[in-house]
Amino acid sequence: MKRILSLLLCAAALCGCLQTAPAAAANEDTILRVGLTVSGSSSFADPKLENVSGYASGYTAGVMNGTAFSGSKTITATQLTIRLVDDAFQISDTASGKVLYTTAKGTDHLAIQPKSTLTWFKGYRWQGSFVYRRAGNGNLTVINYVGLEDYVKGVLPYEIDPDWPAEAQKAQAVCARSFALGTHKHTASGYDLCNTTNCQVYLGANKATAASNAAVNDTRGQYLTYQGKPVIGYFFSSDGGATEDAVNVWGGDYPYLKGKVDPYEGKVDEWSVTLTAEEVRKKLISAGYTIGTVAKVEVTKRTATDNVNEVTVTDTDGKTVTIQRDKVRTVFGLKSIRYTITPHQTKAVKTLPVSAALQKIVPSVHQITLDGKKVTPQGWNIGGENYYKLRDIAYIMNGTGSQFNVGWDNAKNCISLFAGQAYQPVGDEMSSSASSAVKTYMPATASIVLDGKDIQLTGYHVNGNNYYRVRDMGKVLNFTVDFDPESEMVLLCSADQSGQPVQPEQPEQSDTPAASYTFTGSGWGHSVGMSQWGAYAMAKQGFTYEDILKFYFTGISLAG
């Protein structure tokens, strides 16, 4: 399934805060004012209109009283160019240049109502009328005055694929309509909505199909309500496993925008972003923060649905910068709020050459006991410290007060640890190394999550497997590690039989700050409201559009 424009960033992602839905609901006469070219490089010095072949030709020029058109001049030409000349709006024939109509100087605006149902502008075909206002430097703002249902028909095929299942398209149509009714954040500029991802993508009738128009017609006038009041239909591309409370993303607590684990979303956007420590610093400074040389970047708070709620950056002087909610995503240029952070001690992870560095790693020859009994996990001695596989340690700890389970997500390069859970063997535990030769040896790059919280263990990837320092494991996984120099024996001790656990400590950190950090995540967008790919998956499974909307929006009803 192809990715289309809205999947890059959903409609509400850039609003930064929640809008308040209007008290009045939609009706057959609802007109929206949509900015098509509004300011700066997107405004026009001489915007043009053209009748669409096969439709009625000609125009009427006049003004708007509110959203009602009042005409004063009939124009028979099919192609028009509009300019500001001596502080007046001037209409000329595009082909001949002949001036057809000029307003009085200082007139507030010019309105043009095409006689055709569809009109060409900027390479797109639009419904409705056009209003022109001054944008500065002689340019013009172009605003499309369009009926609500025609507007939704111009949104739907740009926000989701018009080939998607009908129920997913209907759910998106209701969201788009609810969003349009409640998100009038540009009223100070003379229009209700823009036509970009800052609001929601609206590009007229070019991509509309019989199926997408049918989805709008089948839900005509329907919008979301909560306890009888209209609410906004926020949506985004994919959540990667769970949606999120609005309060944890934008700060406003709304009962119908509550996060939940998403069991339906089949297609998951997976991504990774690697930033050097210096790039992290520059991004923070650009966002208005003060920070020195970056020493640590870590997730310091997660939500109940395991999305990131807070990231803290610490510099080498101990100064910290804490970023919360969706701002983390925007500051660092991330695609979602669901991710882990992995530090790298070197800028590029690569296989080390056969050199003096490799002479520091040898197979571990120390005998090991757990609670006084001999155990034999295969490991390496690196720089005088013993490193073992997490699965081997989990295997020998099983049934003790320090047992834990291990999970692996290959796509995300992530290890998940679950304290207190019985270990589930996968095979090949406690196997001895086939060879003592070191073929590949590099710092471990896998992220590690313990009971949903990111942790760091000193580790290396040796001959295709991850090995971690046993002392670090003990500090976070509830067992003690000691060493008897006389017998050269590693002594492991699980939580005591009285049930009093060893107090876990944070693993020792390297004195050398990480050179780079990899954010590895899933999902695309802010995760508040409806997942578009979740709607697709639910529709494929036979759910109706009302089922879809009631899953993603808590306690809502449909009105209209």
Protein backbone atom coordinates (compact mmCIF):
# COMPACT_ATOMS: atom_id res chain seq x y z
CA MET A 1 0.00 0.00 0.00
CA LYS A 2 1.51 3.29 -1.04
CA ARG A 3 2.20 6.08 1.42
CA ILE A 4 0.38 9.28 0.59
CA LEU A 5 0.84 12.83 1.76
CA SER A 6 -1.11 12.69 4.99
CA LEU A 7 0.77 9.65 6.21
CA LEU A 8 3.88 11.79 6.48
CA LEU A 9 2.22 13.76 9.25
CA CYS A 10 -1.41 13.65 10.30
CA ALA A 11 -3.75 16.55 10.38
CA ALA A 12 -3.47 17.55 14.00
CA ALA A 13 0.22 16.82 14.52
CA LEU A 14 1.43 20.40 14.20
CA CYS A 15 -1.30 22.17 16.12
CA GLY A 16 0.63 21.83 19.39
CA CYS A 17 -2.51 22.01 21.48
CA LEU A 18 -6.13 20.95 21.38
CA GLN A 19 -8.76 23.10 19.75
CA THR A 20 -12.23 23.58 21.16
CA ALA A 21 -15.08 22.17 19.10
CA PRO A 22 -17.89 24.58 18.15
CA ALA A 23 -21.21 24.45 19.95
CA ALA A 24 -23.17 24.46 16.67
CA ALA A 25 -23.28 21.33 14.53
CA ALA A 26 -23.05 21.01 10.77
CA ASN A 27 -25.99 21.55 8.46
CA GLU A 28 -26.61 21.45 4.71
CA ASP A 29 -25.54 25.10 4.33
CA THR A 30 -22.25 24.97 6.29
CA ILE A 31 -19.54 26.83 4.35
CA LEU A 32 -15.86 26.53 5.20
CA ARG A 33 -13.21 29.10 4.35
CA VAL A 34 -10.02 27.28 3.34
CA GLY A 35 -6.77 29.12 2.68
CA LEU A 36 -5.19 27.76 -0.52
CA THR A 37 -2.33 30.25 -0.85
CA VAL A 38 -2.05 32.29 2.30
CA SER A 39 1.31 33.96 2.90
CA GLY A 40 4.97 34.18 2.00
CA SER A 41 6.09 31.94 -0.86
CA SER A 42 2.64 30.35 -1.12
CA SER A 43 0.85 33.66 -1.87
CA PHE A 44 0.36 34.79 -5.46
CA ALA A 45 1.06 38.00 -7.38
CA ASP A 46 -1.30 36.95 -10.18
CA PRO A 47 -3.39 33.86 -9.35
CA LYS A 48 -5.36 32.40 -12.25
CA LEU A 49 -8.71 30.61 -12.59
CA GLU A 50 -9.92 28.47 -15.49
CA ASN A 51 -13.25 26.79 -16.18
CA VAL A 52 -13.07 23.02 -16.47
CA SER A 53 -13.87 21.72 -19.95
CA GLY A 54 -17.31 20.15 -20.18
CA TYR A 55 -18.79 22.34 -17.42
CA ALA A 56 -20.58 25.70 -17.63
CA SER A 57 -18.26 28.60 -18.42
CA GLY A 58 -18.00 32.12 -17.08
CA TYR A 59 -17.90 33.79 -13.67
CA THR A 60 -19.56 36.39 -11.49
CA ALA A 61 -17.43 38.89 -9.58
CA GLY A 62 -18.58 40.49 -6.33
CA VAL A 63 -18.06 40.33 -2.56
CA MET A 64 -18.79 38.04 0.36
CA ASN A 65 -21.14 39.05 3.16
CA GLY A 66 -20.07 36.54 5.80
CA THR A 67 -20.15 33.36 3.72
CA ALA A 68 -22.91 34.55 1.37
CA PHE A 69 -21.86 35.67 -2.13
CA SER A 70 -23.18 38.92 -3.59
CA GLY A 71 -22.45 39.39 -7.31
CA SER A 72 -21.99 42.66 -9.20
CA LYS A 73 -20.30 41.77 -12.53
CA THR A 74 -20.87 38.90 -14.99
CA ILE A 75 -17.77 37.71 -16.89
CA THR A 76 -17.95 35.43 -19.92
CA ALA A 77 -14.21 34.70 -20.33
CA THR A 78 -13.13 31.18 -19.31
CA GLN A 79 -9.61 32.03 -18.06
CA LEU A 80 -9.01 34.80 -15.52
CA THR A 81 -5.95 36.43 -13.97
CA ILE A 82 -6.35 38.45 -10.78
CA ARG A 83 -3.90 41.16 -9.68
CA LEU A 84 -3.58 44.10 -7.35
CA VAL A 85 -3.18 47.29 -9.38
CA ASP A 86 -3.08 50.71 -7.67
CA ASP A 87 -4.58 49.17 -4.52
CA ALA A 88 -7.54 47.79 -6.45
CA PHE A 89 -8.37 44.19 -7.41
CA GLN A 90 -8.22 43.76 -11.19
CA ILE A 91 -9.55 40.85 -13.28
CA SER A 92 -8.20 40.34 -16.79
CA ASP A 93 -8.56 37.76 -19.55
CA THR A 94 -5.54 35.46 -19.21
CA ALA A 95 -5.25 34.86 -22.97
CA SER A 96 -5.57 38.45 -24.21
CA GLY A 97 -4.64 40.49 -21.15
CA LYS A 98 -7.80 42.57 -21.54
CA VAL A 99 -9.01 44.08 -18.27
CA LEU A 100 -12.50 42.79 -17.53
CA TYR A 101 -13.26 44.23 -14.09
CA THR A 102 -11.65 46.49 -11.48
CA THR A 103 -12.86 47.14 -7.94
CA ALA A 104 -12.67 50.49 -6.20
CA LYS A 105 -9.31 51.34 -4.61
CA GLY A 106 -8.95 50.07 -1.08
CA THR A 107 -11.71 47.49 -1.48
CA ASP A 108 -11.44 44.94 1.31
CA HIS A 109 -11.59 41.85 -0.92
CA LEU A 110 -12.72 40.40 -4.23
CA ALA A 111 -14.99 37.36 -4.55
CA ILE A 112 -15.38 35.29 -7.72
CA GLN A 113 -18.08 32.66 -8.14
CA PRO A 114 -17.52 30.34 -11.11
CA LYS A 115 -20.58 29.21 -13.07
CA SER A 116 -18.91 25.81 -13.50
CA THR A 117 -19.11 23.17 -10.76
CA LEU A 118 -15.33 22.65 -10.92
CA THR A 119 -12.63 25.26 -11.47
CA TRP A 120 -8.90 24.91 -12.19
CA PHE A 121 -6.50 26.67 -9.81
CA LYS A 122 -2.84 25.74 -9.13
CA GLY A 123 -3.24 22.54 -11.16
CA TYR A 124 -6.15 21.27 -9.04
CA ARG A 125 -9.90 21.29 -9.61
CA TRP A 126 -11.91 22.93 -6.85
CA GLN A 127 -15.54 23.26 -5.83
CA GLY A 128 -16.99 26.53 -4.55
CA SER A 129 -16.07 30.20 -4.81
CA PHE A 130 -12.79 32.11 -4.45
CA VAL A 131 -11.99 35.15 -2.32
CA TYR A 132 -8.87 37.31 -2.73
CA ARG A 133 -7.29 39.42 0.01
CA ARG A 134 -4.05 41.34 0.31
CA ALA A 135 -1.08 39.26 1.53
CA GLY A 136 1.62 41.95 1.48
CA ASN A 137 4.24 42.90 -1.12
CA GLY A 138 1.53 43.10 -3.78
CA ASN A 139 0.64 39.42 -3.41
CA LEU A 140 -2.76 37.89 -2.82
CA THR A 141 -4.20 35.38 -0.38
CA VAL A 142 -6.58 32.96 -2.12
CA ILE A 143 -9.39 31.51 0.01
CA ASN A 144 -11.76 28.79 -1.18
CA TYR A 145 -15.32 29.13 0.15
CA VAL A 146 -16.63 25.58 -0.09
CA GLY A 147 -19.50 23.52 1.29
CA LEU A 148 -18.64 21.14 4.10
CA GLU A 149 -19.41 17.94 2.18
CA ASP A 150 -17.49 19.06 -0.92
CA TYR A 151 -14.58 19.96 1.37
CA VAL A 152 -14.55 16.48 2.93
CA LYS A 153 -14.58 14.97 -0.59
CA GLY A 154 -11.45 17.02 -1.29
CA VAL A 155 -9.76 15.79 1.91
CA LEU A 156 -10.53 12.07 1.95
CA PRO A 157 -8.46 10.80 -1.03
CA TYR A 158 -5.44 12.82 0.14
CA GLU A 159 -5.57 11.65 3.75
CA ILE A 160 -6.02 7.93 3.01
CA ASP A 161 -5.81 5.84 -0.13
CA PRO A 162 -9.14 5.91 -2.01
CA ASP A 163 -8.69 2.18 -2.67
CA TRP A 164 -8.89 1.37 1.05
CA PRO A 165 -11.92 -0.57 2.41
CA ALA A 166 -15.16 1.42 2.48
CA GLU A 167 -15.53 1.31 6.28
CA ALA A 168 -12.04 2.78 6.77
CA GLN A 169 -12.89 5.56 4.32
CA LYS A 170 -16.15 6.27 6.14
CA ALA A 171 -14.31 6.47 9.48
CA GLN A 172 -11.83 8.91 7.94
CA ALA A 173 -14.67 10.97 6.43
CA VAL A 174 -16.28 11.38 9.87
CA CYS A 175 -12.91 12.33 11.38
CA ALA A 176 -12.21 14.85 8.61
CA ARG A 177 -15.66 16.40 9.01
CA SER A 178 -15.33 16.56 12.81
CA PHE A 179 -11.85 18.02 12.49
CA ALA A 180 -13.02 20.69 10.03
CA LEU A 181 -15.93 21.73 12.23
CA GLY A 182 -13.79 22.05 15.34
CA THR A 183 -10.41 23.27 14.17
CA HIS A 184 -10.87 26.88 13.06
CA LYS A 185 -7.41 28.02 14.13
CA HIS A 186 -6.83 30.54 11.32
CA THR A 187 -9.82 32.81 11.90
CA ALA A 188 -7.55 35.73 12.83
CA SER A 189 -6.13 35.52 9.29
CA GLY A 190 -9.56 35.59 7.65
CA TYR A 191 -10.11 31.89 6.98
CA ASP A 192 -10.96 28.77 8.99
CA LEU A 193 -8.48 26.13 7.81
CA CYS A 194 -5.38 25.90 5.65
CA ASN A 195 -5.14 23.07 3.12
CA THR A 196 -1.87 21.54 4.35
CA THR A 197 -0.90 19.02 7.05
CA ASN A 198 -0.95 21.92 9.51
CA CYS A 199 -4.72 21.36 9.43
CA GLN A 200 -5.55 18.48 7.08
CA VAL A 201 -4.67 17.94 3.44
CA TYR A 202 -7.31 19.39 1.08
CA LEU A 203 -6.54 19.49 -2.64
CA GLY A 204 -9.91 19.50 -4.33
CA ALA A 205 -11.43 16.93 -6.67
CA ASN A 206 -8.43 15.64 -8.66
CA LYS A 207 -8.02 12.35 -6.77
CA ALA A 208 -11.64 11.83 -5.75
CA THR A 209 -13.09 8.50 -6.85
CA ALA A 210 -16.57 7.03 -6.87
CA ALA A 211 -15.60 5.06 -3.76
CA SER A 212 -14.20 8.03 -1.82
CA ASN A 213 -17.19 10.22 -2.72
CA ALA A 214 -19.52 7.40 -1.68
CA ALA A 215 -17.85 7.24 1.75
CA VAL A 216 -18.57 10.96 2.22
CA ASN A 217 -22.14 10.64 0.96
CA ASP A 218 -22.83 7.57 3.13
CA THR A 219 -21.77 9.51 6.26
CA ARG A 220 -23.22 12.84 5.13
CA GLY A 221 -23.35 15.34 7.98
CA GLN A 222 -22.09 12.89 10.61
CA TYR A 223 -19.62 14.09 13.24
CA LEU A 224 -18.26 12.93 16.60
CA THR A 225 -19.86 13.95 19.88
CA TYR A 226 -19.07 13.32 23.55
CA GLN A 227 -21.93 13.66 26.01
CA GLY A 228 -23.92 15.44 23.31
CA LYS A 229 -21.27 18.01 22.38
CA PRO A 230 -19.28 18.05 19.10
CA VAL A 231 -15.63 17.03 19.45
CA ILE A 232 -12.64 17.05 17.11
CA GLY A 233 -11.69 13.93 15.14
CA TYR A 234 -7.92 13.84 15.56
CA PHE A 235 -6.13 11.20 13.50
CA PHE A 236 -2.63 10.08 12.50
CA SER A 237 -0.90 7.43 10.38
CA SER A 238 0.01 4.58 12.78
CA ASP A 239 0.57 4.14 16.52
CA GLY A 240 3.05 1.23 16.46
CA GLY A 241 1.14 -0.62 19.18
CA ALA A 242 -0.74 1.89 21.34
CA THR A 243 -2.48 5.26 21.09
CA GLU A 244 -1.93 7.91 23.75
CA ASP A 245 -3.82 10.23 26.10
CA ALA A 246 -3.99 13.77 24.75
CA VAL A 247 -2.74 15.04 28.11
CA ASN A 248 0.52 13.12 27.61
CA VAL A 249 1.05 14.59 24.15
CA TRP A 250 -0.33 18.14 24.10
CA GLY A 251 -1.16 18.75 27.75
CA GLY A 252 -4.96 19.01 27.56
CA ASP A 253 -6.92 16.25 29.30
CA TYR A 254 -9.96 15.22 27.25
CA PRO A 255 -12.03 12.16 28.23
CA TYR A 256 -12.64 11.03 24.66
CA LEU A 257 -8.92 11.17 23.74
CA LYS A 258 -7.53 8.36 25.89
CA GLY A 259 -4.64 6.07 24.99
CA LYS A 260 -5.08 2.33 24.67
CA VAL A 261 -3.17 -0.70 23.45
CA ASP A 262 -4.02 -1.24 19.78
CA PRO A 263 -4.45 -4.94 18.89
CA TYR A 264 -5.65 -4.25 15.34
CA GLU A 265 -2.97 -2.24 13.57
CA GLY A 266 -1.35 -4.74 11.24
CA LYS A 267 0.96 -2.50 9.24
CA VAL A 268 3.53 -0.85 11.53
CA ASP A 269 5.87 1.95 10.50
CA GLU A 270 9.33 1.16 11.89
CA TRP A 271 12.05 3.77 11.90
CA SER A 272 15.35 4.78 13.44
CA VAL A 273 17.16 8.09 13.78
CA THR A 274 20.82 8.29 14.86
CA LEU A 275 22.15 11.60 16.17
CA THR A 276 25.69 12.33 17.27
CA ALA A 277 26.13 13.94 20.68
CA GLU A 278 26.92 17.21 18.91
CA GLU A 279 23.77 16.95 16.77
CA VAL A 280 21.72 16.42 19.94
CA ARG A 281 23.29 19.56 21.43
CA LYS A 282 22.61 21.65 18.31
CA LYS A 283 18.98 20.53 18.13
CA LEU A 284 18.47 21.49 21.76
CA ILE A 285 20.07 24.89 21.25
CA SER A 286 17.91 25.49 18.16
CA ALA A 287 14.86 24.71 20.29
CA GLY A 288 15.90 27.34 22.86
CA TYR A 289 17.61 25.16 25.47
CA THR A 290 21.08 25.69 27.01
CA ILE A 291 23.31 22.60 27.18
CA GLY A 292 27.01 21.81 27.10
CA THR A 293 28.78 18.73 25.74
CA VAL A 294 26.21 15.94 25.80
CA ALA A 295 27.08 13.01 28.07
CA LYS A 296 23.79 11.11 28.26
CA VAL A 297 20.41 10.94 26.50
CA GLU A 298 17.81 8.73 28.16
CA VAL A 299 14.09 8.07 28.43
CA THR A 300 13.14 9.08 31.99
CA LYS A 301 9.38 8.59 31.87
CA ARG A 302 6.96 6.40 29.94
CA THR A 303 3.16 6.41 29.86
CA ALA A 304 0.84 3.58 30.88
CA THR A 305 0.78 2.45 27.23
CA ASP A 306 4.60 2.42 27.02
CA ASN A 307 4.94 5.54 24.88
CA VAL A 308 7.70 8.02 25.71
CA ASN A 309 6.58 10.91 27.91
CA GLU A 310 9.93 12.41 28.93
CA VAL A 311 13.55 12.43 27.76
CA THR A 312 16.42 13.89 29.79
CA VAL A 313 19.72 15.05 28.32
CA THR A 314 22.69 15.46 30.67
CA ASP A 315 25.91 17.27 29.78
CA THR A 316 29.42 16.59 31.05
CA ASP A 317 29.01 19.23 33.79
CA GLY A 318 25.91 17.49 35.15
CA LYS A 319 23.44 20.06 33.76
CA THR A 320 20.20 18.45 32.59
CA VAL A 321 17.54 19.39 30.07
CA THR A 322 14.24 17.54 30.34
CA ILE A 323 11.83 17.56 27.39
CA GLN A 324 8.29 16.35 27.82
CA ARG A 325 5.36 15.12 25.75
CA ASP A 326 5.27 15.59 21.99
CA LYS A 327 8.02 18.22 22.10
CA VAL A 328 10.62 15.44 22.19
CA ARG A 329 9.40 14.27 18.79
CA THR A 330 9.56 17.72 17.24
CA VAL A 331 12.90 18.75 18.81
CA PHE A 332 14.75 15.63 17.63
CA GLY A 333 12.83 15.06 14.39
CA LEU A 334 11.31 11.71 15.38
CA LYS A 335 8.36 10.06 13.65
CA SER A 336 6.42 8.93 16.71
CA ILE A 337 6.38 8.85 20.50
CA ARG A 338 7.06 5.11 20.74
CA TYR A 339 10.80 4.35 20.81
CA THR A 340 13.91 3.38 22.74
CA ILE A 341 17.27 5.18 22.89
CA THR A 342 20.54 3.31 22.45
CA PRO A 343 23.90 5.03 23.16
CA HIS A 344 26.97 4.16 21.08
CA GLN A 345 30.47 4.70 22.37
CA THR A 346 31.85 4.99 18.84
CA LYS A 347 30.46 6.96 15.94
CA ALA A 348 30.39 3.91 13.68
CA VAL A 349 29.82 0.39 14.92
CA LYS A 350 32.02 -1.96 12.95
CA THR A 351 33.97 -5.20 13.23
CA LEU A 352 37.32 -4.48 14.81
CA PRO A 353 40.48 -5.56 13.01
CA VAL A 354 42.73 -8.25 14.41
CA SER A 355 44.90 -6.03 16.53
CA ALA A 356 45.91 -5.33 20.08
CA ALA A 357 42.28 -4.49 20.85
CA LEU A 358 41.25 -8.10 20.26
CA GLN A 359 43.94 -9.37 22.59
CA LYS A 360 41.86 -7.97 25.45
CA ILE A 361 39.11 -10.56 24.88
CA VAL A 362 39.55 -14.24 25.73
CA PRO A 363 37.12 -17.05 26.64
CA SER A 364 36.17 -16.86 30.31
CA VAL A 365 37.93 -19.62 32.31
CA HIS A 366 36.56 -18.72 35.74
CA GLN A 367 34.41 -21.27 37.51
CA ILE A 368 30.93 -20.00 38.43
CA THR A 369 28.55 -20.92 41.23
CA LEU A 370 24.95 -19.88 41.86
CA ASP A 371 23.92 -20.14 45.49
CA GLY A 372 26.87 -22.53 46.00
CA LYS A 373 26.11 -24.81 43.04
CA LYS A 374 28.34 -24.99 39.96
CA VAL A 375 26.90 -23.57 36.74
CA THR A 376 28.57 -23.26 33.33
CA PRO A 377 27.36 -20.38 31.14
CA GLN A 378 29.61 -19.73 28.17
CA GLY A 379 31.24 -16.32 28.31
CA TRP A 380 34.14 -14.03 27.54
CA ASN A 381 36.60 -12.14 29.69
CA ILE A 382 36.91 -8.65 28.24
CA GLY A 383 39.31 -6.20 29.85
CA GLY A 384 39.38 -8.31 33.01
CA GLU A 385 35.58 -8.48 33.40
CA ASN A 386 33.29 -11.45 32.72
CA TYR A 387 30.54 -11.12 30.10
CA TYR A 388 27.72 -13.63 29.57
CA LYS A 389 24.57 -14.03 27.51
CA LEU A 390 21.41 -12.70 29.16
CA ARG A 391 19.56 -15.91 28.20
CA ASP A 392 22.19 -18.06 29.93
CA ILE A 393 21.94 -16.06 33.13
CA ALA A 394 18.13 -16.16 32.93
CA TYR A 395 18.32 -19.93 32.43
CA ILE A 396 20.38 -20.55 35.57
CA MET A 397 18.36 -18.06 37.66
CA ASN A 398 15.05 -19.73 36.78
CA GLY A 399 13.11 -20.81 39.88
CA THR A 400 15.06 -18.53 42.21
CA GLY A 401 14.03 -15.23 43.74
CA SER A 402 15.99 -13.50 40.97
CA GLN A 403 14.38 -15.17 37.96
CA PHE A 404 13.62 -13.10 34.86
CA ASN A 405 12.44 -13.71 31.32
CA VAL A 406 14.05 -12.48 28.09
CA GLY A 407 12.37 -11.39 24.86
CA TRP A 408 13.92 -10.32 21.56
CA ASP A 409 12.51 -8.08 18.81
CA ASN A 410 14.75 -8.52 15.77
CA ALA A 411 13.09 -5.74 13.76
CA LYS A 412 13.69 -3.22 16.54
CA ASN A 413 17.03 -4.69 17.69
CA CYS A 414 15.59 -4.62 21.20
CA ILE A 415 15.93 -6.96 24.20
CA SER A 416 13.03 -6.98 26.68
CA LEU A 417 13.61 -8.19 30.25
CA PHE A 418 10.80 -9.07 32.67
CA ALA A 419 11.83 -9.29 36.33
CA GLY A 420 10.18 -12.01 38.41
CA GLN A 421 8.85 -13.94 35.40
CA ALA A 422 9.86 -17.54 34.77
CA TYR A 423 12.32 -17.87 31.93
CA GLN A 424 10.96 -19.46 28.74
CA PRO A 425 13.82 -21.38 27.04
CA VAL A 426 14.21 -21.03 23.27
CA GLY A 427 16.97 -23.62 22.84
CA ASP A 428 20.75 -23.39 22.68
CA GLU A 429 21.03 -22.05 26.24
CA MET A 430 24.32 -22.83 28.04
CA SER A 431 25.96 -24.04 24.83
CA SER A 432 29.72 -23.83 24.79
CA SER A 433 31.49 -21.77 22.18
CA ALA A 434 32.33 -23.76 19.07
CA SER A 435 35.64 -21.95 18.87
CA SER A 436 37.74 -19.77 21.12
CA ALA A 437 38.68 -17.64 18.11
CA VAL A 438 37.21 -14.15 18.00
CA LYS A 439 35.80 -13.59 14.53
CA THR A 440 33.75 -10.45 15.13
CA TYR A 441 33.84 -8.16 18.15
CA MET A 442 32.09 -4.81 18.54
CA PRO A 443 30.10 -2.85 21.12
CA ALA A 444 26.56 -4.21 21.54
CA THR A 445 23.99 -1.96 19.85
CA ALA A 446 20.74 -3.59 20.98
CA SER A 447 18.48 -1.45 23.15
CA ILE A 448 17.39 -3.01 26.46
CA VAL A 449 14.08 -2.50 28.24
CA LEU A 450 13.48 -3.82 31.78
CA ASP A 451 9.78 -3.94 32.70
CA GLY A 452 9.08 -1.18 30.19
CA LYS A 453 11.94 1.13 31.21
CA ASP A 454 15.04 1.71 29.15
CA ILE A 455 18.25 0.57 30.85
CA GLN A 456 21.89 0.38 29.81
CA LEU A 457 24.22 -2.58 30.25
CA THR A 458 27.84 -2.63 29.18
CA GLY A 459 27.98 -5.22 26.43
CA TYR A 460 29.70 -6.54 23.32
CA HIS A 461 28.53 -8.38 20.23
CA VAL A 462 30.93 -11.31 19.84
CA ASN A 463 30.72 -13.91 17.06
CA GLY A 464 27.05 -13.13 16.44
CA ASN A 465 25.80 -13.02 20.07
CA ASN A 466 25.34 -10.28 22.66
CA TYR A 467 27.29 -10.62 25.91
CA TYR A 468 26.85 -8.29 28.92
CA ARG A 469 28.96 -7.60 31.99
CA VAL A 470 27.71 -9.86 34.75
CA ARG A 471 28.20 -7.24 37.47
CA ASP A 472 25.88 -4.87 35.59
CA MET A 473 23.30 -7.64 35.18
CA GLY A 474 23.28 -8.31 38.90
CA LYS A 475 22.66 -4.69 39.79
CA VAL A 476 19.49 -4.45 37.70
CA LEU A 477 18.27 -8.07 37.82
CA ASN A 478 18.19 -8.73 41.55
CA PHE A 479 21.26 -10.90 42.23
CA THR A 480 24.70 -10.29 43.73
CA VAL A 481 28.06 -10.91 42.07
CA ASP A 482 31.32 -11.52 43.91
CA PHE A 483 34.73 -12.94 43.01
CA ASP A 484 36.99 -15.23 45.09
CA PRO A 485 40.58 -14.51 43.93
CA GLU A 486 42.03 -17.59 45.63
CA SER A 487 39.81 -20.06 43.78
CA GLU A 488 39.29 -17.71 40.83
CA MET A 489 35.58 -18.37 41.16
CA VAL A 490 32.68 -16.06 40.22
CA LEU A 491 30.07 -16.24 42.99
CA LEU A 492 26.45 -15.50 42.04
CA CYS A 493 23.79 -15.27 44.74
CA SER A 494 20.05 -14.96 44.05
CA ALA A 495 17.58 -13.08 46.25
CA ASP A 496 17.52 -14.78 49.65
CA GLN A 497 14.95 -17.37 50.60
CA SER A 498 13.11 -15.02 52.95
CA GLY A 499 11.82 -13.25 49.93
CA GLN A 500 13.79 -10.07 50.59
CA PRO A 501 15.21 -9.09 47.21
CA VAL A 502 18.60 -7.66 46.58
CA GLN A 503 18.11 -3.96 46.06
CA PRO A 504 18.73 -3.31 42.36
CA GLU A 505 21.09 -0.54 41.40
CA GLN A 506 21.62 1.30 38.15
CA PRO A 507 24.37 -0.27 36.04
CA GLU A 508 27.75 1.34 36.05
CA GLN A 509 28.13 3.82 33.23
CA SER A 510 31.18 4.25 31.11
CA ASP A 511 33.28 7.28 31.96
CA THR A 512 33.37 8.09 28.25
CA PRO A 513 30.21 9.88 27.01
CA ALA A 514 28.44 8.17 24.13
CA ALA A 515 29.40 9.49 20.70
CA SER A 516 25.93 8.97 19.24
CA TYR A 517 22.39 7.90 20.13
CA THR A 518 19.96 5.84 18.08
CA PHE A 519 16.24 6.40 18.53
CA THR A 520 14.51 3.21 17.35
CA GLY A 521 10.75 3.29 17.16
CA SER A 522 7.49 2.35 15.53
CA GLY A 523 4.44 4.32 14.44
CA TRP A 524 4.05 7.59 12.55
CA GLY A 525 2.41 10.67 14.03
CA HIS A 526 1.29 11.92 17.42
CA SER A 527 -0.81 8.84 18.39
CA VAL A 528 -3.85 10.82 19.61
CA GLY A 529 -7.22 9.72 18.22
CA MET A 530 -7.66 7.38 15.25
CA SER A 531 -4.86 5.39 13.66
CA GLN A 532 -5.41 5.41 9.90
CA TRP A 533 -3.65 2.08 9.47
CA GLY A 534 -5.60 0.76 12.44
CA ALA A 535 -8.84 1.79 10.70
CA TYR A 536 -7.64 -0.02 7.59
CA ALA A 537 -6.89 -3.19 9.57
CA MET A 538 -10.20 -3.10 11.45
CA ALA A 539 -12.15 -2.60 8.22
CA LYS A 540 -10.35 -5.58 6.66
CA GLN A 541 -11.43 -7.63 9.69
CA GLY A 542 -15.09 -6.74 9.17
CA PHE A 543 -15.58 -3.89 11.65
CA THR A 544 -17.91 -1.03 10.67
CA TYR A 545 -16.81 2.59 10.61
CA GLU A 546 -18.79 3.19 13.80
CA ASP A 547 -16.93 0.29 15.48
CA ILE A 548 -13.63 1.82 14.38
CA LEU A 549 -14.47 5.28 15.70
CA LYS A 550 -15.78 3.95 19.02
CA PHE A 551 -12.57 1.97 19.55
CA TYR A 552 -10.21 4.88 18.95
CA PHE A 553 -12.35 7.59 20.61
CA THR A 554 -13.49 6.76 24.15
CA GLY A 555 -17.20 7.21 24.90
CA ILE A 556 -18.12 9.02 21.69
CA SER A 557 -21.37 8.94 19.71
CA LEU A 558 -22.19 9.92 16.14
CA ALA A 559 -24.56 12.81 15.46
CA GLY A 560 -25.91 14.33 12.27
